[in-house]
Every structure is written in structure tokens, then in C-alpha cells.
Amino acid sequence: MRNIPLIALFFLIGIIVTINVGWAQEDMEVVDNSVFENHQRTPSVFFHDEHNENAGIDGCAECHHIYEKGERLEDESSEDQSCSDCHNLEGGDGQPSLIKAFHGNCKGCHLDEKKGPILCGECHVK
């Protein structure tokens, strides 16, 4: 009978920890990689608003770009589309494959700005 309060205490602590972890993950987003058949890595963890605030990115078209006749349209945004709507798995017709588009857009910017993650495990967190 004396173990019941101790068991209840551990149960209560478990519930509190579970709730806190769940709320802490609320803002977590990942880059959608559902179109890839064989996942070699986990999806990239990406906190959209936090990233843009830290990077000083105001316009959506900075990342969500649209090209027409090989030229990037500065005032046009593809934010309402998935990357895979324009980039397929193989690439072609002057467009990079989806994986090259992801890496070129994200990692390319990080390299240009000399900040941000560039190693595989820094974005694809297990």
C-alpha cells in the first residue's frame, strides 16, 4: 500500500514530461520529403518563422521562387505550392532534380551567406 503514492508520483511525472515534450515540438516543422521512395536520411528539421527572422528574410520569393524563360521573377512567389510541383525526382528541362533543388536553395544560401548548416547531419537530424 505504501508503494501506491510513489507509483502515482512517477505516473504524474511521466504525464508532465510527455505534455512538455509535445508542446515543445508544436513549432517544429520538417521539409516534406514524402515524394522520395527510399529515404536515406530523415526529413530536414526547419523552423520556418524562426529561420526567416534570424536570416532577415522578409519576402517569400527569396526561397519560394518562380522562374519564367530561365529568369527568376522577383515579385512572384510559389509559397502555395510544394517544391515537387515544379521539381521532379530526375530533373530535366533546365530544372534541377528535387534533391538538387532542396540542397541548392538551402545549402547554397548558407554557403553564400557564410552562416547556417551545410553538413548533412545538421539539417537531417536523427
N, C-alpha and C. Protein backbone atom coordinates (compact mmCIF):
# COMPACT_ATOMS: atom_id res chain seq x y z
N MET A 1 0.82 -1.20 0.00
CA MET A 1 0.00 0.00 0.00
C MET A 1 0.86 1.26 0.00
N ARG A 2 2.05 1.18 0.60
CA ARG A 2 2.90 2.37 0.67
C ARG A 2 3.49 2.69 -0.69
N ASN A 3 3.50 1.75 -1.63
CA ASN A 3 4.05 1.98 -2.96
C ASN A 3 3.10 2.74 -3.88
N ILE A 4 1.81 2.76 -3.55
CA ILE A 4 0.82 3.41 -4.41
C ILE A 4 1.13 4.91 -4.59
N PRO A 5 1.41 5.68 -3.53
CA PRO A 5 1.74 7.10 -3.74
C PRO A 5 3.00 7.28 -4.60
N LEU A 6 3.99 6.41 -4.44
CA LEU A 6 5.21 6.51 -5.21
C LEU A 6 4.93 6.21 -6.70
N ILE A 7 4.13 5.19 -6.95
CA ILE A 7 3.75 4.86 -8.32
C ILE A 7 2.95 6.00 -8.94
N ALA A 8 2.04 6.56 -8.19
CA ALA A 8 1.23 7.69 -8.68
C ALA A 8 2.12 8.90 -8.99
N LEU A 9 3.13 9.15 -8.16
CA LEU A 9 4.04 10.26 -8.38
C LEU A 9 4.82 10.06 -9.69
N PHE A 10 5.35 8.86 -9.92
CA PHE A 10 6.08 8.58 -11.16
C PHE A 10 5.16 8.69 -12.37
N PHE A 11 3.93 8.24 -12.22
CA PHE A 11 2.95 8.34 -13.30
C PHE A 11 2.67 9.80 -13.64
N LEU A 12 2.50 10.63 -12.62
CA LEU A 12 2.24 12.06 -12.79
C LEU A 12 3.44 12.75 -13.46
N ILE A 13 4.63 12.42 -13.03
CA ILE A 13 5.84 12.99 -13.63
C ILE A 13 5.92 12.59 -15.11
N GLY A 14 5.60 11.35 -15.42
CA GLY A 14 5.61 10.89 -16.81
C GLY A 14 4.63 11.66 -17.67
N ILE A 15 3.45 11.92 -17.14
CA ILE A 15 2.45 12.69 -17.88
C ILE A 15 2.95 14.11 -18.12
N ILE A 16 3.52 14.74 -17.11
CA ILE A 16 4.02 16.12 -17.24
C ILE A 16 5.14 16.20 -18.28
N VAL A 17 6.07 15.26 -18.23
CA VAL A 17 7.17 15.24 -19.20
C VAL A 17 6.63 15.05 -20.62
N THR A 18 5.68 14.15 -20.79
CA THR A 18 5.10 13.89 -22.10
C THR A 18 4.41 15.13 -22.65
N ILE A 19 3.66 15.82 -21.83
CA ILE A 19 2.97 17.04 -22.26
C ILE A 19 3.98 18.12 -22.64
N ASN A 20 5.01 18.30 -21.82
CA ASN A 20 6.01 19.33 -22.12
C ASN A 20 6.73 19.04 -23.42
N VAL A 21 7.09 17.80 -23.68
CA VAL A 21 7.77 17.44 -24.92
C VAL A 21 6.83 17.70 -26.10
N GLY A 22 5.58 17.34 -25.95
CA GLY A 22 4.60 17.56 -27.02
C GLY A 22 4.43 19.03 -27.34
N TRP A 23 4.33 19.88 -26.32
CA TRP A 23 4.19 21.32 -26.56
C TRP A 23 5.47 21.92 -27.13
N ALA A 24 6.60 21.43 -26.73
CA ALA A 24 7.87 21.96 -27.23
C ALA A 24 8.02 21.65 -28.72
N GLN A 25 7.42 20.58 -29.19
CA GLN A 25 7.54 20.19 -30.59
C GLN A 25 6.49 20.87 -31.46
N GLU A 26 5.59 21.65 -30.88
CA GLU A 26 4.49 22.24 -31.63
C GLU A 26 4.96 23.07 -32.81
N ASP A 27 6.03 23.85 -32.65
CA ASP A 27 6.51 24.71 -33.71
C ASP A 27 7.41 23.98 -34.69
N MET A 28 7.77 22.75 -34.40
CA MET A 28 8.69 22.04 -35.27
C MET A 28 8.02 21.72 -36.60
N GLU A 29 8.74 21.98 -37.65
CA GLU A 29 8.31 21.62 -38.98
C GLU A 29 9.44 20.87 -39.64
N VAL A 30 9.10 20.11 -40.61
CA VAL A 30 10.12 19.42 -41.40
C VAL A 30 9.83 19.68 -42.87
N VAL A 31 10.87 19.64 -43.66
CA VAL A 31 10.71 19.77 -45.10
C VAL A 31 10.06 18.48 -45.60
N ASP A 32 9.01 18.62 -46.39
CA ASP A 32 8.26 17.46 -46.88
C ASP A 32 9.12 16.64 -47.84
N ASN A 33 9.43 15.43 -47.45
CA ASN A 33 10.21 14.54 -48.32
C ASN A 33 9.41 13.30 -48.71
N SER A 34 8.10 13.40 -48.65
CA SER A 34 7.24 12.24 -48.89
C SER A 34 7.30 11.73 -50.32
N VAL A 35 7.76 12.53 -51.27
CA VAL A 35 7.82 12.06 -52.65
C VAL A 35 9.00 11.14 -52.92
N PHE A 36 9.98 11.11 -52.01
CA PHE A 36 11.12 10.23 -52.18
C PHE A 36 10.74 8.82 -51.73
N GLU A 37 11.01 7.84 -52.58
CA GLU A 37 10.65 6.46 -52.25
C GLU A 37 11.58 5.86 -51.21
N ASN A 38 12.88 6.05 -51.38
CA ASN A 38 13.87 5.48 -50.46
C ASN A 38 14.52 6.60 -49.67
N HIS A 39 14.10 6.75 -48.45
CA HIS A 39 14.64 7.81 -47.60
C HIS A 39 16.01 7.40 -47.08
N GLN A 40 17.03 8.14 -47.49
CA GLN A 40 18.38 7.87 -46.99
C GLN A 40 18.63 8.62 -45.70
N ARG A 41 17.89 9.68 -45.49
CA ARG A 41 18.04 10.48 -44.27
C ARG A 41 16.66 10.93 -43.79
N THR A 42 16.61 11.38 -42.57
CA THR A 42 15.37 11.92 -42.02
C THR A 42 15.04 13.24 -42.71
N PRO A 43 13.79 13.69 -42.67
CA PRO A 43 13.47 14.99 -43.25
C PRO A 43 14.23 16.10 -42.52
N SER A 44 14.52 17.17 -43.23
CA SER A 44 15.22 18.29 -42.62
C SER A 44 14.30 19.01 -41.65
N VAL A 45 14.80 19.23 -40.45
CA VAL A 45 14.05 19.99 -39.46
C VAL A 45 14.16 21.45 -39.84
N PHE A 46 13.04 22.15 -39.85
CA PHE A 46 13.05 23.53 -40.33
C PHE A 46 11.99 24.34 -39.58
N PHE A 47 12.43 25.30 -38.79
CA PHE A 47 11.53 26.21 -38.09
C PHE A 47 11.38 27.45 -38.97
N HIS A 48 10.35 27.48 -39.77
CA HIS A 48 10.17 28.47 -40.83
C HIS A 48 10.28 29.91 -40.33
N ASP A 49 9.43 30.30 -39.39
CA ASP A 49 9.41 31.69 -38.94
C ASP A 49 10.70 32.08 -38.23
N GLU A 50 11.20 31.19 -37.39
CA GLU A 50 12.46 31.45 -36.67
C GLU A 50 13.61 31.61 -37.65
N HIS A 51 13.66 30.75 -38.67
CA HIS A 51 14.71 30.83 -39.68
C HIS A 51 14.68 32.18 -40.39
N ASN A 52 13.50 32.57 -40.87
CA ASN A 52 13.38 33.81 -41.63
C ASN A 52 13.70 35.03 -40.78
N GLU A 53 13.29 34.99 -39.52
CA GLU A 53 13.60 36.11 -38.62
C GLU A 53 15.11 36.21 -38.39
N ASN A 54 15.75 35.09 -38.10
CA ASN A 54 17.20 35.09 -37.86
C ASN A 54 17.99 35.45 -39.11
N ALA A 55 17.50 35.04 -40.27
CA ALA A 55 18.21 35.29 -41.53
C ALA A 55 17.87 36.66 -42.12
N GLY A 56 16.88 37.34 -41.55
CA GLY A 56 16.48 38.64 -42.08
C GLY A 56 15.78 38.53 -43.42
N ILE A 57 15.05 37.44 -43.63
CA ILE A 57 14.33 37.23 -44.89
C ILE A 57 12.91 37.75 -44.73
N ASP A 58 12.55 38.72 -45.56
CA ASP A 58 11.22 39.31 -45.49
C ASP A 58 10.28 38.76 -46.56
N GLY A 59 10.79 38.59 -47.76
CA GLY A 59 9.94 38.16 -48.87
C GLY A 59 9.93 36.66 -49.05
N CYS A 60 8.75 36.13 -49.31
CA CYS A 60 8.60 34.68 -49.51
C CYS A 60 9.35 34.20 -50.75
N ALA A 61 9.41 35.06 -51.79
CA ALA A 61 10.04 34.67 -53.05
C ALA A 61 11.54 34.45 -52.91
N GLU A 62 12.10 34.87 -51.79
CA GLU A 62 13.52 34.62 -51.56
C GLU A 62 13.82 33.12 -51.61
N CYS A 63 12.94 32.32 -51.07
CA CYS A 63 13.09 30.86 -51.09
C CYS A 63 12.07 30.20 -52.02
N HIS A 64 10.85 30.73 -52.02
CA HIS A 64 9.76 30.18 -52.82
C HIS A 64 9.74 30.91 -54.16
N HIS A 65 10.65 30.54 -55.03
CA HIS A 65 10.87 31.26 -56.27
C HIS A 65 10.03 30.72 -57.43
N ILE A 66 9.92 31.56 -58.45
CA ILE A 66 9.29 31.15 -59.71
C ILE A 66 10.20 31.63 -60.84
N TYR A 67 10.44 30.74 -61.79
CA TYR A 67 11.24 31.08 -62.96
C TYR A 67 10.35 31.06 -64.20
N GLU A 68 10.62 31.99 -65.08
CA GLU A 68 9.94 32.02 -66.37
C GLU A 68 10.98 32.29 -67.45
N LYS A 69 11.06 31.40 -68.43
CA LYS A 69 12.04 31.51 -69.51
C LYS A 69 13.46 31.64 -68.96
N GLY A 70 13.75 30.88 -67.90
CA GLY A 70 15.09 30.86 -67.33
C GLY A 70 15.42 32.05 -66.44
N GLU A 71 14.49 32.96 -66.28
CA GLU A 71 14.72 34.15 -65.44
C GLU A 71 13.87 34.07 -64.19
N ARG A 72 14.46 34.40 -63.07
CA ARG A 72 13.73 34.40 -61.80
C ARG A 72 12.85 35.63 -61.71
N LEU A 73 11.59 35.42 -61.42
CA LEU A 73 10.64 36.52 -61.27
C LEU A 73 10.71 37.00 -59.82
N GLU A 74 11.20 38.19 -59.62
CA GLU A 74 11.47 38.71 -58.27
C GLU A 74 10.22 38.89 -57.42
N ASP A 75 9.12 39.30 -58.01
CA ASP A 75 7.92 39.60 -57.23
C ASP A 75 6.91 38.46 -57.20
N GLU A 76 7.27 37.32 -57.74
CA GLU A 76 6.36 36.18 -57.78
C GLU A 76 6.81 35.13 -56.77
N SER A 77 5.85 34.50 -56.10
CA SER A 77 6.16 33.52 -55.07
C SER A 77 5.40 32.22 -55.31
N SER A 78 6.05 31.11 -54.99
CA SER A 78 5.42 29.79 -55.12
C SER A 78 5.09 29.21 -53.75
N GLU A 79 4.86 30.10 -52.77
CA GLU A 79 4.65 29.64 -51.40
C GLU A 79 3.42 28.75 -51.22
N ASP A 80 2.48 28.81 -52.14
CA ASP A 80 1.28 27.98 -52.03
C ASP A 80 1.44 26.63 -52.74
N GLN A 81 2.66 26.34 -53.20
CA GLN A 81 2.93 25.09 -53.90
C GLN A 81 3.99 24.29 -53.15
N SER A 82 4.02 23.01 -53.45
CA SER A 82 5.08 22.16 -52.94
C SER A 82 6.26 22.24 -53.91
N CYS A 83 7.46 22.07 -53.41
CA CYS A 83 8.65 22.09 -54.28
C CYS A 83 8.52 21.04 -55.39
N SER A 84 7.90 19.91 -55.06
CA SER A 84 7.77 18.82 -56.02
C SER A 84 6.74 19.13 -57.11
N ASP A 85 5.99 20.22 -56.99
CA ASP A 85 5.08 20.62 -58.06
C ASP A 85 5.87 21.06 -59.29
N CYS A 86 7.05 21.61 -59.08
CA CYS A 86 7.88 22.07 -60.20
C CYS A 86 9.11 21.20 -60.42
N HIS A 87 9.66 20.65 -59.35
CA HIS A 87 10.88 19.85 -59.43
C HIS A 87 10.53 18.37 -59.28
N ASN A 88 10.86 17.57 -60.30
CA ASN A 88 10.61 16.14 -60.17
C ASN A 88 11.86 15.45 -59.66
N LEU A 89 11.80 14.15 -59.50
CA LEU A 89 12.92 13.41 -58.90
C LEU A 89 14.15 13.34 -59.82
N GLU A 90 13.93 13.39 -61.12
CA GLU A 90 15.05 13.26 -62.06
C GLU A 90 15.60 14.59 -62.54
N GLY A 91 14.80 15.65 -62.52
CA GLY A 91 15.20 16.91 -63.11
C GLY A 91 15.02 16.87 -64.61
N GLY A 92 15.39 17.93 -65.26
CA GLY A 92 15.27 18.00 -66.71
C GLY A 92 14.66 19.31 -67.14
N ASP A 93 14.71 19.57 -68.44
CA ASP A 93 14.20 20.82 -69.00
C ASP A 93 14.78 22.05 -68.29
N GLY A 94 16.05 21.95 -67.94
CA GLY A 94 16.71 23.09 -67.30
C GLY A 94 16.45 23.22 -65.81
N GLN A 95 15.63 22.32 -65.25
CA GLN A 95 15.35 22.37 -63.82
C GLN A 95 16.15 21.30 -63.10
N PRO A 96 16.68 21.65 -61.93
CA PRO A 96 17.37 20.62 -61.15
C PRO A 96 16.38 19.62 -60.57
N SER A 97 16.87 18.44 -60.26
CA SER A 97 16.03 17.45 -59.59
C SER A 97 15.60 18.01 -58.24
N LEU A 98 14.62 17.37 -57.65
CA LEU A 98 14.09 17.86 -56.37
C LEU A 98 15.17 17.91 -55.30
N ILE A 99 15.98 16.86 -55.21
CA ILE A 99 17.01 16.85 -54.17
C ILE A 99 18.06 17.93 -54.43
N LYS A 100 18.40 18.17 -55.70
CA LYS A 100 19.35 19.24 -56.01
C LYS A 100 18.72 20.62 -55.75
N ALA A 101 17.43 20.73 -55.99
CA ALA A 101 16.74 21.99 -55.73
C ALA A 101 16.74 22.31 -54.23
N PHE A 102 16.42 21.29 -53.41
CA PHE A 102 16.47 21.49 -51.96
C PHE A 102 17.86 21.93 -51.52
N HIS A 103 18.85 21.15 -51.90
CA HIS A 103 20.21 21.43 -51.45
C HIS A 103 20.75 22.73 -52.04
N GLY A 104 20.45 22.98 -53.32
CA GLY A 104 20.94 24.21 -53.95
C GLY A 104 20.33 25.46 -53.33
N ASN A 105 19.04 25.40 -53.04
CA ASN A 105 18.36 26.57 -52.47
C ASN A 105 18.80 26.82 -51.03
N CYS A 106 18.76 25.79 -50.20
CA CYS A 106 19.07 25.95 -48.78
C CYS A 106 20.57 26.03 -48.52
N LYS A 107 21.26 24.99 -48.91
CA LYS A 107 22.70 24.94 -48.65
C LYS A 107 23.44 26.01 -49.44
N GLY A 108 22.98 26.28 -50.66
CA GLY A 108 23.60 27.32 -51.47
C GLY A 108 23.54 28.68 -50.79
N CYS A 109 22.40 29.00 -50.21
CA CYS A 109 22.25 30.27 -49.49
C CYS A 109 23.14 30.28 -48.26
N HIS A 110 23.18 29.19 -47.54
CA HIS A 110 24.03 29.12 -46.34
C HIS A 110 25.50 29.31 -46.70
N LEU A 111 25.93 28.74 -47.81
CA LEU A 111 27.31 28.92 -48.25
C LEU A 111 27.56 30.37 -48.69
N ASP A 112 26.62 30.94 -49.44
CA ASP A 112 26.76 32.33 -49.89
C ASP A 112 26.83 33.30 -48.71
N GLU A 113 25.99 33.07 -47.72
CA GLU A 113 25.92 33.97 -46.56
C GLU A 113 26.97 33.64 -45.50
N LYS A 114 27.66 32.50 -45.69
CA LYS A 114 28.67 32.03 -44.74
C LYS A 114 28.11 31.86 -43.32
N LYS A 115 26.86 31.36 -43.26
CA LYS A 115 26.24 31.02 -41.99
C LYS A 115 25.10 30.05 -42.25
N GLY A 116 24.81 29.27 -41.24
CA GLY A 116 23.77 28.25 -41.37
C GLY A 116 24.39 26.89 -41.59
N PRO A 117 23.62 25.85 -41.39
CA PRO A 117 24.14 24.49 -41.52
C PRO A 117 24.44 24.12 -42.97
N ILE A 118 25.52 23.38 -43.16
CA ILE A 118 25.87 22.90 -44.50
C ILE A 118 26.18 21.41 -44.51
N LEU A 119 26.37 20.82 -43.33
CA LEU A 119 26.66 19.39 -43.26
C LEU A 119 25.35 18.61 -43.16
N CYS A 120 25.35 17.41 -43.71
CA CYS A 120 24.13 16.59 -43.79
C CYS A 120 23.40 16.49 -42.45
N GLY A 121 24.13 16.06 -41.41
CA GLY A 121 23.53 15.81 -40.11
C GLY A 121 23.07 17.06 -39.38
N GLU A 122 23.43 18.24 -39.88
CA GLU A 122 22.99 19.47 -39.24
C GLU A 122 21.55 19.81 -39.63
N CYS A 123 21.10 19.35 -40.79
CA CYS A 123 19.73 19.57 -41.23
C CYS A 123 18.88 18.31 -41.06
N HIS A 124 19.48 17.18 -41.39
CA HIS A 124 18.79 15.89 -41.30
C HIS A 124 19.09 15.29 -39.93
N VAL A 125 18.42 15.82 -38.92
CA VAL A 125 18.67 15.43 -37.53
C VAL A 125 17.92 14.13 -37.23
N LYS A 126 18.64 13.19 -36.63
CA LYS A 126 18.01 11.91 -36.27
C LYS A 126 17.16 12.06 -35.04
